[in-house]
């Protein structure tokens, strides 16, 4: 059975690892398989993640998805995979239903009479009005995640993350993502502050450690960058990008043997990765005597 790490799943679905980790933390999705690095996602887990993304794309608020999932799990415990059973009642409608035992039910348990005509025709029911309740911190965070991939919407993404932090100042993932957008804008001081704040709240935050390490390395602080990259590998020893960055950084400061160690580990983790040919070239060269770091 294939199992995928959080970073692999994030790449598959083009979402940030911090967004996926938040969904895990709030029990919206789960990593139910096991891999060498610990918990991993199997095919059914991937199907659930894909379903969440589909519901979000159809305009369903994350808060309603979570509440509906909780209701279905409580009222229909025989459903082993309740999330894929959830569906939007009609395009543009805020109503969710679940198909079970030949009938349609609202997540709260009320049976729904389906008067929809067969075929592509819209159902003959009026869509319920939008709830109108203000977004919570998680929903502002989700909004930021959908906006931070394109430069044209970076400003809106920043506003969304800041609104999330107004509601929950200790939201480490929002601090980290905000820092990433600041970095992409060239606002390095603001990015550094955001990453450090994320780490104050969650010292083992993998992305904040990695992003801050990149910043520190670019600013010439090799010692501090090394510490952060090594933190990343203490959190996740199979984080391939950290092995690459450490290999390059050790070479830059003259510790070639330690650099070779990380090229070797990178190939063990990701033998067909983007840096695999580079790693093999470095390892094929005869290393000169290495004085180490002292």
C-alpha atoms as a PDB file:
ATOM      1  CA  UNK A   1       0.000   0.000   0.000  1.00  0.00           C
ATOM      2  CA  UNK A   2       1.331   3.406  -0.984  1.00  0.00           C
ATOM      3  CA  UNK A   3       1.639   5.983   1.783  1.00  0.00           C
ATOM      4  CA  UNK A   4       2.452   9.643   1.368  1.00  0.00           C
ATOM      5  CA  UNK A   5       4.059  12.153   3.706  1.00  0.00           C
ATOM      6  CA  UNK A   6       2.468  15.505   4.499  1.00  0.00           C
ATOM      7  CA  UNK A   7       4.814  17.324   2.134  1.00  0.00           C
ATOM      8  CA  UNK A   8       4.097  14.854  -0.671  1.00  0.00           C
ATOM      9  CA  UNK A   9       0.353  15.285  -0.186  1.00  0.00           C
ATOM     10  CA  UNK A  10       0.743  19.065  -0.123  1.00  0.00           C
ATOM     11  CA  UNK A  11       2.579  18.900  -3.442  1.00  0.00           C
ATOM     12  CA  UNK A  12      -0.040  16.570  -4.955  1.00  0.00           C
ATOM     13  CA  UNK A  13      -2.915  18.922  -4.133  1.00  0.00           C
ATOM     14  CA  UNK A  14      -0.986  22.217  -4.449  1.00  0.00           C
ATOM     15  CA  UNK A  15      -1.739  23.300  -0.890  1.00  0.00           C
ATOM     16  CA  UNK A  16       0.619  24.399   1.871  1.00  0.00           C
ATOM     17  CA  UNK A  17       1.806  21.819   4.435  1.00  0.00           C
ATOM     18  CA  UNK A  18       0.648  24.144   7.219  1.00  0.00           C
ATOM     19  CA  UNK A  19      -2.874  24.164   5.795  1.00  0.00           C
ATOM     20  CA  UNK A  20      -2.892  20.370   5.683  1.00  0.00           C
ATOM     21  CA  UNK A  21      -1.488  20.149   9.209  1.00  0.00           C
ATOM     22  CA  UNK A  22      -4.276  22.416  10.474  1.00  0.00           C
ATOM     23  CA  UNK A  23      -6.883  20.144   8.875  1.00  0.00           C
ATOM     24  CA  UNK A  24      -5.272  17.214  10.684  1.00  0.00           C
ATOM     25  CA  UNK A  25      -5.185  19.070  13.975  1.00  0.00           C
ATOM     26  CA  UNK A  26      -8.898  19.890  13.752  1.00  0.00           C
ATOM     27  CA  UNK A  27      -9.673  16.272  12.740  1.00  0.00           C
ATOM     28  CA  UNK A  28     -11.074  17.261   9.379  1.00  0.00           C
ATOM     29  CA  UNK A  29      -8.709  14.805   7.666  1.00  0.00           C
ATOM     30  CA  UNK A  30      -6.349  12.206   9.047  1.00  0.00           C
ATOM     31  CA  UNK A  31      -3.130  10.397   8.303  1.00  0.00           C
ATOM     32  CA  UNK A  32      -4.142   6.803   8.966  1.00  0.00           C
ATOM     33  CA  UNK A  33      -1.142   4.968   7.475  1.00  0.00           C
ATOM     34  CA  UNK A  34       2.376   4.436   8.787  1.00  0.00           C
ATOM     35  CA  UNK A  35       5.684   5.145   7.026  1.00  0.00           C
ATOM     36  CA  UNK A  36       9.318   5.212   8.107  1.00  0.00           C
ATOM     37  CA  UNK A  37       8.921   8.851   9.147  1.00  0.00           C
ATOM     38  CA  UNK A  38       5.736   8.211  11.140  1.00  0.00           C
ATOM     39  CA  UNK A  39       2.118   8.913  10.226  1.00  0.00           C
ATOM     40  CA  UNK A  40       1.329   9.068   6.510  1.00  0.00           C
ATOM     41  CA  UNK A  41      -1.674   9.355   4.188  1.00  0.00           C
ATOM     42  CA  UNK A  42      -3.118   6.391   2.300  1.00  0.00           C
ATOM     43  CA  UNK A  43      -5.437   6.390  -0.740  1.00  0.00           C
ATOM     44  CA  UNK A  44      -8.621   6.824   1.301  1.00  0.00           C
ATOM     45  CA  UNK A  45      -7.043   9.742   3.171  1.00  0.00           C
ATOM     46  CA  UNK A  46      -6.169  11.362  -0.171  1.00  0.00           C
ATOM     47  CA  UNK A  47      -9.737  10.903  -1.328  1.00  0.00           C
ATOM     48  CA  UNK A  48     -10.987  12.728   1.773  1.00  0.00           C
ATOM     49  CA  UNK A  49      -8.564  15.618   1.204  1.00  0.00           C
ATOM     50  CA  UNK A  50      -9.663  15.862  -2.412  1.00  0.00           C
ATOM     51  CA  UNK A  51     -13.297  15.946  -1.256  1.00  0.00           C
ATOM     52  CA  UNK A  52     -12.618  18.780   1.200  1.00  0.00           C
ATOM     53  CA  UNK A  53     -10.991  20.809  -1.567  1.00  0.00           C
ATOM     54  CA  UNK A  54     -13.965  20.134  -3.832  1.00  0.00           C
ATOM     55  CA  UNK A  55     -16.423  21.337  -1.176  1.00  0.00           C
ATOM     56  CA  UNK A  56     -14.350  24.481  -0.586  1.00  0.00           C
ATOM     57  CA  UNK A  57     -14.198  25.186  -4.321  1.00  0.00           C
ATOM     58  CA  UNK A  58     -17.989  24.987  -4.444  1.00  0.00           C
ATOM     59  CA  UNK A  59     -18.190  27.710  -1.814  1.00  0.00           C
ATOM     60  CA  UNK A  60     -18.874  25.624   1.266  1.00  0.00           C
ATOM     61  CA  UNK A  61     -17.365  27.295   4.365  1.00  0.00           C
ATOM     62  CA  UNK A  62     -14.833  25.234   6.276  1.00  0.00           C
ATOM     63  CA  UNK A  63     -16.785  25.755   9.489  1.00  0.00           C
ATOM     64  CA  UNK A  64     -19.886  24.139   7.949  1.00  0.00           C
ATOM     65  CA  UNK A  65     -17.855  21.224   6.574  1.00  0.00           C
ATOM     66  CA  UNK A  66     -16.375  20.533  10.014  1.00  0.00           C
ATOM     67  CA  UNK A  67     -19.746  20.818  11.761  1.00  0.00           C
ATOM     68  CA  UNK A  68     -21.467  18.604   9.176  1.00  0.00           C
ATOM     69  CA  UNK A  69     -18.727  15.994   9.439  1.00  0.00           C
ATOM     70  CA  UNK A  70     -19.058  15.946  13.223  1.00  0.00           C
ATOM     71  CA  UNK A  71     -22.851  15.567  12.979  1.00  0.00           C
ATOM     72  CA  UNK A  72     -22.621  12.733  10.453  1.00  0.00           C
ATOM     73  CA  UNK A  73     -19.990  10.866  12.472  1.00  0.00           C
ATOM     74  CA  UNK A  74     -22.185  11.154  15.588  1.00  0.00           C
ATOM     75  CA  UNK A  75     -25.516  10.216  13.982  1.00  0.00           C
ATOM     76  CA  UNK A  76     -24.292   7.639  11.454  1.00  0.00           C
ATOM     77  CA  UNK A  77     -21.406   5.848  13.181  1.00  0.00           C
ATOM     78  CA  UNK A  78     -21.727   2.945  10.735  1.00  0.00           C
ATOM     79  CA  UNK A  79     -20.260   5.172   8.011  1.00  0.00           C
ATOM     80  CA  UNK A  80     -16.556   4.348   8.116  1.00  0.00           C
ATOM     81  CA  UNK A  81     -15.716   7.214   5.734  1.00  0.00           C
ATOM     82  CA  UNK A  82     -18.260   9.978   6.482  1.00  0.00           C
ATOM     83  CA  UNK A  83     -16.438  12.827   4.715  1.00  0.00           C
ATOM     84  CA  UNK A  84     -16.766  11.532   1.115  1.00  0.00           C
ATOM     85  CA  UNK A  85     -20.484  10.961   1.780  1.00  0.00           C
ATOM     86  CA  UNK A  86     -21.059  14.687   2.279  1.00  0.00           C
ATOM     87  CA  UNK A  87     -22.283  16.585  -0.766  1.00  0.00           C
ATOM     88  CA  UNK A  88     -23.599  20.018  -1.639  1.00  0.00           C
ATOM     89  CA  UNK A  89     -27.363  19.950  -2.118  1.00  0.00           C
ATOM     90  CA  UNK A  90     -27.327  22.279  -5.131  1.00  0.00           C
ATOM     91  CA  UNK A  91     -24.867  24.556  -6.873  1.00  0.00           C
ATOM     92  CA  UNK A  92     -24.648  27.806  -4.931  1.00  0.00           C
ATOM     93  CA  UNK A  93     -26.604  26.413  -1.971  1.00  0.00           C
ATOM     94  CA  UNK A  94     -25.164  26.454   1.563  1.00  0.00           C
ATOM     95  CA  UNK A  95     -27.064  23.248   2.333  1.00  0.00           C
ATOM     96  CA  UNK A  96     -25.220  19.956   2.754  1.00  0.00           C
ATOM     97  CA  UNK A  97     -26.692  16.458   2.612  1.00  0.00           C
ATOM     98  CA  UNK A  98     -25.411  12.905   2.989  1.00  0.00           C
ATOM     99  CA  UNK A  99     -26.636   9.908   1.013  1.00  0.00           C
ATOM    100  CA  UNK A 100     -27.202   6.857   3.199  1.00  0.00           C
ATOM    101  CA  UNK A 101     -29.291   3.682   2.940  1.00  0.00           C
ATOM    102  CA  UNK A 102     -31.001   4.878  -0.218  1.00  0.00           C
ATOM    103  CA  UNK A 103     -32.071   8.238   1.209  1.00  0.00           C
ATOM    104  CA  UNK A 104     -30.781  11.772   1.596  1.00  0.00           C
ATOM    105  CA  UNK A 105     -30.309  13.239   5.053  1.00  0.00           C
ATOM    106  CA  UNK A 106     -29.147  16.522   6.453  1.00  0.00           C
ATOM    107  CA  UNK A 107     -26.044  16.036   8.647  1.00  0.00           C
ATOM    108  CA  UNK A 108     -28.190  16.729  11.713  1.00  0.00           C
ATOM    109  CA  UNK A 109     -30.337  13.687  10.895  1.00  0.00           C
ATOM    110  CA  UNK A 110     -33.450  15.141   9.171  1.00  0.00           C
ATOM    111  CA  UNK A 111     -34.462  13.251   6.033  1.00  0.00           C
ATOM    112  CA  UNK A 112     -34.530  15.301   2.828  1.00  0.00           C
ATOM    113  CA  UNK A 113     -37.155  14.703   0.119  1.00  0.00           C
ATOM    114  CA  UNK A 114     -35.348  14.861  -3.209  1.00  0.00           C
ATOM    115  CA  UNK A 115     -37.580  16.550  -5.817  1.00  0.00           C
ATOM    116  CA  UNK A 116     -34.733  17.019  -8.224  1.00  0.00           C
ATOM    117  CA  UNK A 117     -35.453  15.985 -11.795  1.00  0.00           C
ATOM    118  CA  UNK A 118     -32.980  13.568 -13.386  1.00  0.00           C
ATOM    119  CA  UNK A 119     -30.290  15.003 -15.611  1.00  0.00           C
ATOM    120  CA  UNK A 120     -28.358  18.279 -15.470  1.00  0.00           C
ATOM    121  CA  UNK A 121     -31.406  20.377 -14.590  1.00  0.00           C
ATOM    122  CA  UNK A 122     -31.158  22.296 -11.303  1.00  0.00           C
ATOM    123  CA  UNK A 123     -33.282  20.931  -8.401  1.00  0.00           C
ATOM    124  CA  UNK A 124     -36.644  22.552  -7.864  1.00  0.00           C
ATOM    125  CA  UNK A 125     -35.856  23.846  -4.407  1.00  0.00           C
ATOM    126  CA  UNK A 126     -34.927  27.293  -3.231  1.00  0.00           C
ATOM    127  CA  UNK A 127     -31.386  27.616  -1.934  1.00  0.00           C
ATOM    128  CA  UNK A 128     -31.242  28.523   1.719  1.00  0.00           C
ATOM    129  CA  UNK A 129     -29.916  32.036   2.392  1.00  0.00           C
ATOM    130  CA  UNK A 130     -26.317  32.411   3.468  1.00  0.00           C
ATOM    131  CA  UNK A 131     -25.862  32.307   7.215  1.00  0.00           C
ATOM    132  CA  UNK A 132     -24.275  35.752   7.329  1.00  0.00           C
ATOM    133  CA  UNK A 133     -22.252  34.959  10.431  1.00  0.00           C
ATOM    134  CA  UNK A 134     -18.749  36.470  10.539  1.00  0.00           C
ATOM    135  CA  UNK A 135     -15.801  34.329   9.555  1.00  0.00           C
ATOM    136  CA  UNK A 136     -13.788  32.726  12.331  1.00  0.00           C
ATOM    137  CA  UNK A 137      -9.989  32.608  12.468  1.00  0.00           C
ATOM    138  CA  UNK A 138      -9.784  29.257  10.669  1.00  0.00           C
ATOM    139  CA  UNK A 139     -11.923  30.533   7.809  1.00  0.00           C
ATOM    140  CA  UNK A 140      -9.811  33.684   7.411  1.00  0.00           C
ATOM    141  CA  UNK A 141      -6.767  31.409   7.399  1.00  0.00           C
ATOM    142  CA  UNK A 142      -8.340  29.232   4.704  1.00  0.00           C
ATOM    143  CA  UNK A 143      -9.121  32.326   2.663  1.00  0.00           C
ATOM    144  CA  UNK A 144      -5.483  33.395   2.941  1.00  0.00           C
ATOM    145  CA  UNK A 145      -4.351  29.956   1.765  1.00  0.00           C
ATOM    146  CA  UNK A 146      -6.430  30.292  -1.398  1.00  0.00           C
ATOM    147  CA  UNK A 147      -5.022  33.756  -2.132  1.00  0.00           C
ATOM    148  CA  UNK A 148      -1.309  33.529  -1.339  1.00  0.00           C
ATOM    149  CA  UNK A 149      -0.248  31.558  -4.433  1.00  0.00           C
ATOM    150  CA  UNK A 150      -0.557  34.483  -6.877  1.00  0.00           C
ATOM    151  CA  UNK A 151       1.252  37.819  -6.662  1.00  0.00           C
ATOM    152  CA  UNK A 152      -1.922  39.607  -7.758  1.00  0.00           C
ATOM    153  CA  UNK A 153      -3.724  38.514  -4.583  1.00  0.00           C
ATOM    154  CA  UNK A 154      -0.899  38.773  -2.044  1.00  0.00           C
ATOM    155  CA  UNK A 155      -2.429  41.913  -0.550  1.00  0.00           C
ATOM    156  CA  UNK A 156      -5.734  40.137   0.051  1.00  0.00           C
ATOM    157  CA  UNK A 157      -3.893  37.130   1.479  1.00  0.00           C
ATOM    158  CA  UNK A 158      -2.061  39.359   3.966  1.00  0.00           C
ATOM    159  CA  UNK A 159      -5.338  40.958   5.007  1.00  0.00           C
ATOM    160  CA  UNK A 160      -6.901  37.502   5.485  1.00  0.00           C
ATOM    161  CA  UNK A 161      -4.050  36.221   7.649  1.00  0.00           C
ATOM    162  CA  UNK A 162      -4.082  39.437   9.682  1.00  0.00           C
ATOM    163  CA  UNK A 163      -7.818  39.070  10.245  1.00  0.00           C
ATOM    164  CA  UNK A 164      -7.214  35.492  11.416  1.00  0.00           C
ATOM    165  CA  UNK A 165      -4.578  36.757  13.851  1.00  0.00           C
ATOM    166  CA  UNK A 166      -6.867  39.482  15.171  1.00  0.00           C
ATOM    167  CA  UNK A 167      -9.270  36.713  16.161  1.00  0.00           C
ATOM    168  CA  UNK A 168      -6.577  34.284  17.324  1.00  0.00           C
ATOM    169  CA  UNK A 169      -3.178  35.947  18.001  1.00  0.00           C
ATOM    170  CA  UNK A 170      -1.644  32.552  18.847  1.00  0.00           C
ATOM    171  CA  UNK A 171      -2.407  31.003  15.457  1.00  0.00           C
ATOM    172  CA  UNK A 172       1.126  29.839  14.568  1.00  0.00           C
ATOM    173  CA  UNK A 173       0.250  28.640  11.062  1.00  0.00           C
ATOM    174  CA  UNK A 174      -1.199  32.052  10.200  1.00  0.00           C
ATOM    175  CA  UNK A 175       1.977  33.793  11.429  1.00  0.00           C
ATOM    176  CA  UNK A 176       4.091  31.443   9.298  1.00  0.00           C
ATOM    177  CA  UNK A 177       2.014  31.879   6.142  1.00  0.00           C
ATOM    178  CA  UNK A 178       1.923  35.628   6.655  1.00  0.00           C
ATOM    179  CA  UNK A 179       5.707  35.600   6.880  1.00  0.00           C
ATOM    180  CA  UNK A 180       5.917  33.701   3.594  1.00  0.00           C
ATOM    181  CA  UNK A 181       3.834  36.312   1.783  1.00  0.00           C
ATOM    182  CA  UNK A 182       5.936  39.108   3.299  1.00  0.00           C
ATOM    183  CA  UNK A 183       9.075  37.297   2.102  1.00  0.00           C
ATOM    184  CA  UNK A 184       7.657  36.956  -1.400  1.00  0.00           C
ATOM    185  CA  UNK A 185       7.018  40.704  -1.392  1.00  0.00           C
ATOM    186  CA  UNK A 186      10.605  41.393  -0.387  1.00  0.00           C
ATOM    187  CA  UNK A 187       9.585  42.562   3.103  1.00  0.00           C
ATOM    188  CA  UNK A 188      12.308  40.594   4.841  1.00  0.00           C
ATOM    189  CA  UNK A 189      12.115  42.258   8.262  1.00  0.00           C
ATOM    190  CA  UNK A 190       8.371  41.665   8.499  1.00  0.00           C
ATOM    191  CA  UNK A 191       8.859  38.077   7.315  1.00  0.00           C
ATOM    192  CA  UNK A 192      11.526  37.412   9.951  1.00  0.00           C
ATOM    193  CA  UNK A 193       9.292  38.817  12.681  1.00  0.00           C
ATOM    194  CA  UNK A 194       6.362  36.633  11.546  1.00  0.00           C
ATOM    195  CA  UNK A 195       8.465  33.443  11.424  1.00  0.00           C
ATOM    196  CA  UNK A 196       9.946  34.149  14.865  1.00  0.00           C
ATOM    197  CA  UNK A 197       6.496  34.773  16.305  1.00  0.00           C
ATOM    198  CA  UNK A 198       5.300  31.428  14.887  1.00  0.00           C
ATOM    199  CA  UNK A 199       8.267  29.714  16.559  1.00  0.00           C
ATOM    200  CA  UNK A 200       7.621  31.427  19.887  1.00  0.00           C
ATOM    201  CA  UNK A 201       4.170  29.886  19.810  1.00  0.00           C
ATOM    202  CA  UNK A 202       5.192  26.535  18.326  1.00  0.00           C
ATOM    203  CA  UNK A 203       8.961  25.830  18.505  1.00  0.00           C
ATOM    204  CA  UNK A 204       8.556  22.622  16.477  1.00  0.00           C
ATOM    205  CA  UNK A 205       6.769  24.364  13.600  1.00  0.00           C
ATOM    206  CA  UNK A 206       8.554  22.772  10.666  1.00  0.00           C
ATOM    207  CA  UNK A 207       7.821  25.343   7.938  1.00  0.00           C
ATOM    208  CA  UNK A 208       8.630  28.317  10.186  1.00  0.00           C
ATOM    209  CA  UNK A 209      12.005  26.773  11.083  1.00  0.00           C
ATOM    210  CA  UNK A 210      12.784  26.045   7.435  1.00  0.00           C
ATOM    211  CA  UNK A 211      11.665  29.445   6.153  1.00  0.00           C
ATOM    212  CA  UNK A 212      13.579  31.303   8.842  1.00  0.00           C
ATOM    213  CA  UNK A 213      16.685  29.218   8.062  1.00  0.00           C
ATOM    214  CA  UNK A 214      16.458  30.300   4.419  1.00  0.00           C
ATOM    215  CA  UNK A 215      16.198  33.943   5.443  1.00  0.00           C
ATOM    216  CA  UNK A 216      19.127  33.710   7.839  1.00  0.00           C
ATOM    217  CA  UNK A 217      21.266  31.995   5.227  1.00  0.00           C
ATOM    218  CA  UNK A 218      20.492  34.694   2.662  1.00  0.00           C
ATOM    219  CA  UNK A 219      21.476  37.330   5.220  1.00  0.00           C
ATOM    220  CA  UNK A 220      24.850  35.616   5.755  1.00  0.00           C
ATOM    221  CA  UNK A 221      24.195  34.239   9.245  1.00  0.00           C
ATOM    222  CA  UNK A 222      25.406  30.696   8.512  1.00  0.00           C
ATOM    223  CA  UNK A 223      25.576  29.588  12.153  1.00  0.00           C
ATOM    224  CA  UNK A 224      21.968  30.549  12.905  1.00  0.00           C
ATOM    225  CA  UNK A 225      20.791  29.066   9.605  1.00  0.00           C
ATOM    226  CA  UNK A 226      22.536  25.768  10.380  1.00  0.00           C
ATOM    227  CA  UNK A 227      20.782  25.601  13.730  1.00  0.00           C
ATOM    228  CA  UNK A 228      17.387  26.120  12.123  1.00  0.00           C
ATOM    229  CA  UNK A 229      17.966  23.580   9.342  1.00  0.00           C
ATOM    230  CA  UNK A 230      19.087  21.066  11.951  1.00  0.00           C
ATOM    231  CA  UNK A 231      15.910  21.811  13.911  1.00  0.00           C
ATOM    232  CA  UNK A 232      13.945  20.922  10.780  1.00  0.00           C
ATOM    233  CA  UNK A 233      15.668  17.547  10.551  1.00  0.00           C
ATOM    234  CA  UNK A 234      15.082  16.860  14.239  1.00  0.00           C
ATOM    235  CA  UNK A 235      11.374  17.408  13.553  1.00  0.00           C
ATOM    236  CA  UNK A 236      11.372  15.489  10.258  1.00  0.00           C
ATOM    237  CA  UNK A 237      14.571  13.550   9.418  1.00  0.00           C
ATOM    238  CA  UNK A 238      13.215  12.838   5.923  1.00  0.00           C
ATOM    239  CA  UNK A 239      12.727  16.471   4.910  1.00  0.00           C
ATOM    240  CA  UNK A 240      14.569  16.329   1.569  1.00  0.00           C
ATOM    241  CA  UNK A 241      14.828  20.095   0.991  1.00  0.00           C
ATOM    242  CA  UNK A 242      16.549  20.566   4.342  1.00  0.00           C
ATOM    243  CA  UNK A 243      19.187  17.986   3.404  1.00  0.00           C
ATOM    244  CA  UNK A 244      19.832  19.861   0.141  1.00  0.00           C
ATOM    245  CA  UNK A 245      20.130  23.224   1.862  1.00  0.00           C
ATOM    246  CA  UNK A 246      22.406  21.837   4.555  1.00  0.00           C
ATOM    247  CA  UNK A 247      24.620  20.144   1.956  1.00  0.00           C
ATOM    248  CA  UNK A 248      25.009  23.415   0.057  1.00  0.00           C
ATOM    249  CA  UNK A 249      25.541  25.457   3.209  1.00  0.00           C
ATOM    250  CA  UNK A 250      28.184  23.103   4.613  1.00  0.00           C
ATOM    251  CA  UNK A 251      30.009  23.283   1.293  1.00  0.00           C
ATOM    252  CA  UNK A 252      29.786  27.069   1.331  1.00  0.00           C
ATOM    253  CA  UNK A 253      31.478  27.279   4.743  1.00  0.00           C
ATOM    254  CA  UNK A 254      34.112  24.683   3.809  1.00  0.00           C
ATOM    255  CA  UNK A 255      32.786  21.626   5.643  1.00  0.00           C
ATOM    256  CA  UNK A 256      32.723  19.391   2.574  1.00  0.00           C
ATOM    257  CA  UNK A 257      32.492  16.049   4.333  1.00  0.00           C
ATOM    258  CA  UNK A 258      29.416  17.112   6.265  1.00  0.00           C
ATOM    259  CA  UNK A 259      27.967  18.414   3.021  1.00  0.00           C
ATOM    260  CA  UNK A 260      28.520  14.999   1.440  1.00  0.00           C
ATOM    261  CA  UNK A 261      26.692  13.370   4.369  1.00  0.00           C
ATOM    262  CA  UNK A 262      23.591  15.388   3.535  1.00  0.00           C
ATOM    263  CA  UNK A 263      23.864  14.749  -0.212  1.00  0.00           C
ATOM    264  CA  UNK A 264      23.933  11.042   0.661  1.00  0.00           C
ATOM    265  CA  UNK A 265      20.938  11.340   2.968  1.00  0.00           C
ATOM    266  CA  UNK A 266      19.051  13.324   0.334  1.00  0.00           C
ATOM    267  CA  UNK A 267      19.489  10.467  -2.144  1.00  0.00           C
ATOM    268  CA  UNK A 268      18.260   8.002   0.457  1.00  0.00           C
ATOM    269  CA  UNK A 269      15.129  10.096   0.984  1.00  0.00           C
ATOM    270  CA  UNK A 270      14.418  11.139  -2.616  1.00  0.00           C
ATOM    271  CA  UNK A 271      16.579   9.211  -5.090  1.00  0.00           C
ATOM    272  CA  UNK A 272      14.625  10.522  -8.095  1.00  0.00           C
ATOM    273  CA  UNK A 273      14.207  14.086  -6.812  1.00  0.00           C
ATOM    274  CA  UNK A 274      15.059  17.325  -8.575  1.00  0.00           C
ATOM    275  CA  UNK A 275      18.476  17.474  -6.896  1.00  0.00           C
ATOM    276  CA  UNK A 276      19.376  13.809  -7.378  1.00  0.00           C
ATOM    277  CA  UNK A 277      21.776  14.348 -10.306  1.00  0.00           C
ATOM    278  CA  UNK A 278      23.461  17.233  -8.481  1.00  0.00           C
ATOM    279  CA  UNK A 279      23.849  15.078  -5.368  1.00  0.00           C
ATOM    280  CA  UNK A 280      25.429  12.251  -7.363  1.00  0.00           C
ATOM    281  CA  UNK A 281      27.899  14.637  -9.016  1.00  0.00           C
ATOM    282  CA  UNK A 282      28.965  15.976  -5.631  1.00  0.00           C
ATOM    283  CA  UNK A 283      29.350  12.491  -4.235  1.00  0.00           C
ATOM    284  CA  UNK A 284      31.336  11.238  -7.227  1.00  0.00           C
ATOM    285  CA  UNK A 285      34.039  13.868  -6.694  1.00  0.00           C
ATOM    286  CA  UNK A 286      36.889  12.993  -4.360  1.00  0.00           C
ATOM    287  CA  UNK A 287      36.561  15.215  -1.276  1.00  0.00           C
ATOM    288  CA  UNK A 288      39.650  17.092  -0.099  1.00  0.00           C
ATOM    289  CA  UNK A 289      40.677  16.912   3.576  1.00  0.00           C
ATOM    290  CA  UNK A 290      37.951  18.506   5.652  1.00  0.00           C
ATOM    291  CA  UNK A 291      38.944  20.486   8.762  1.00  0.00           C
ATOM    292  CA  UNK A 292      35.338  20.493   9.961  1.00  0.00           C
ATOM    293  CA  UNK A 293      33.733  23.226  11.986  1.00  0.00           C
ATOM    294  CA  UNK A 294      36.090  23.019  14.958  1.00  0.00           C
END
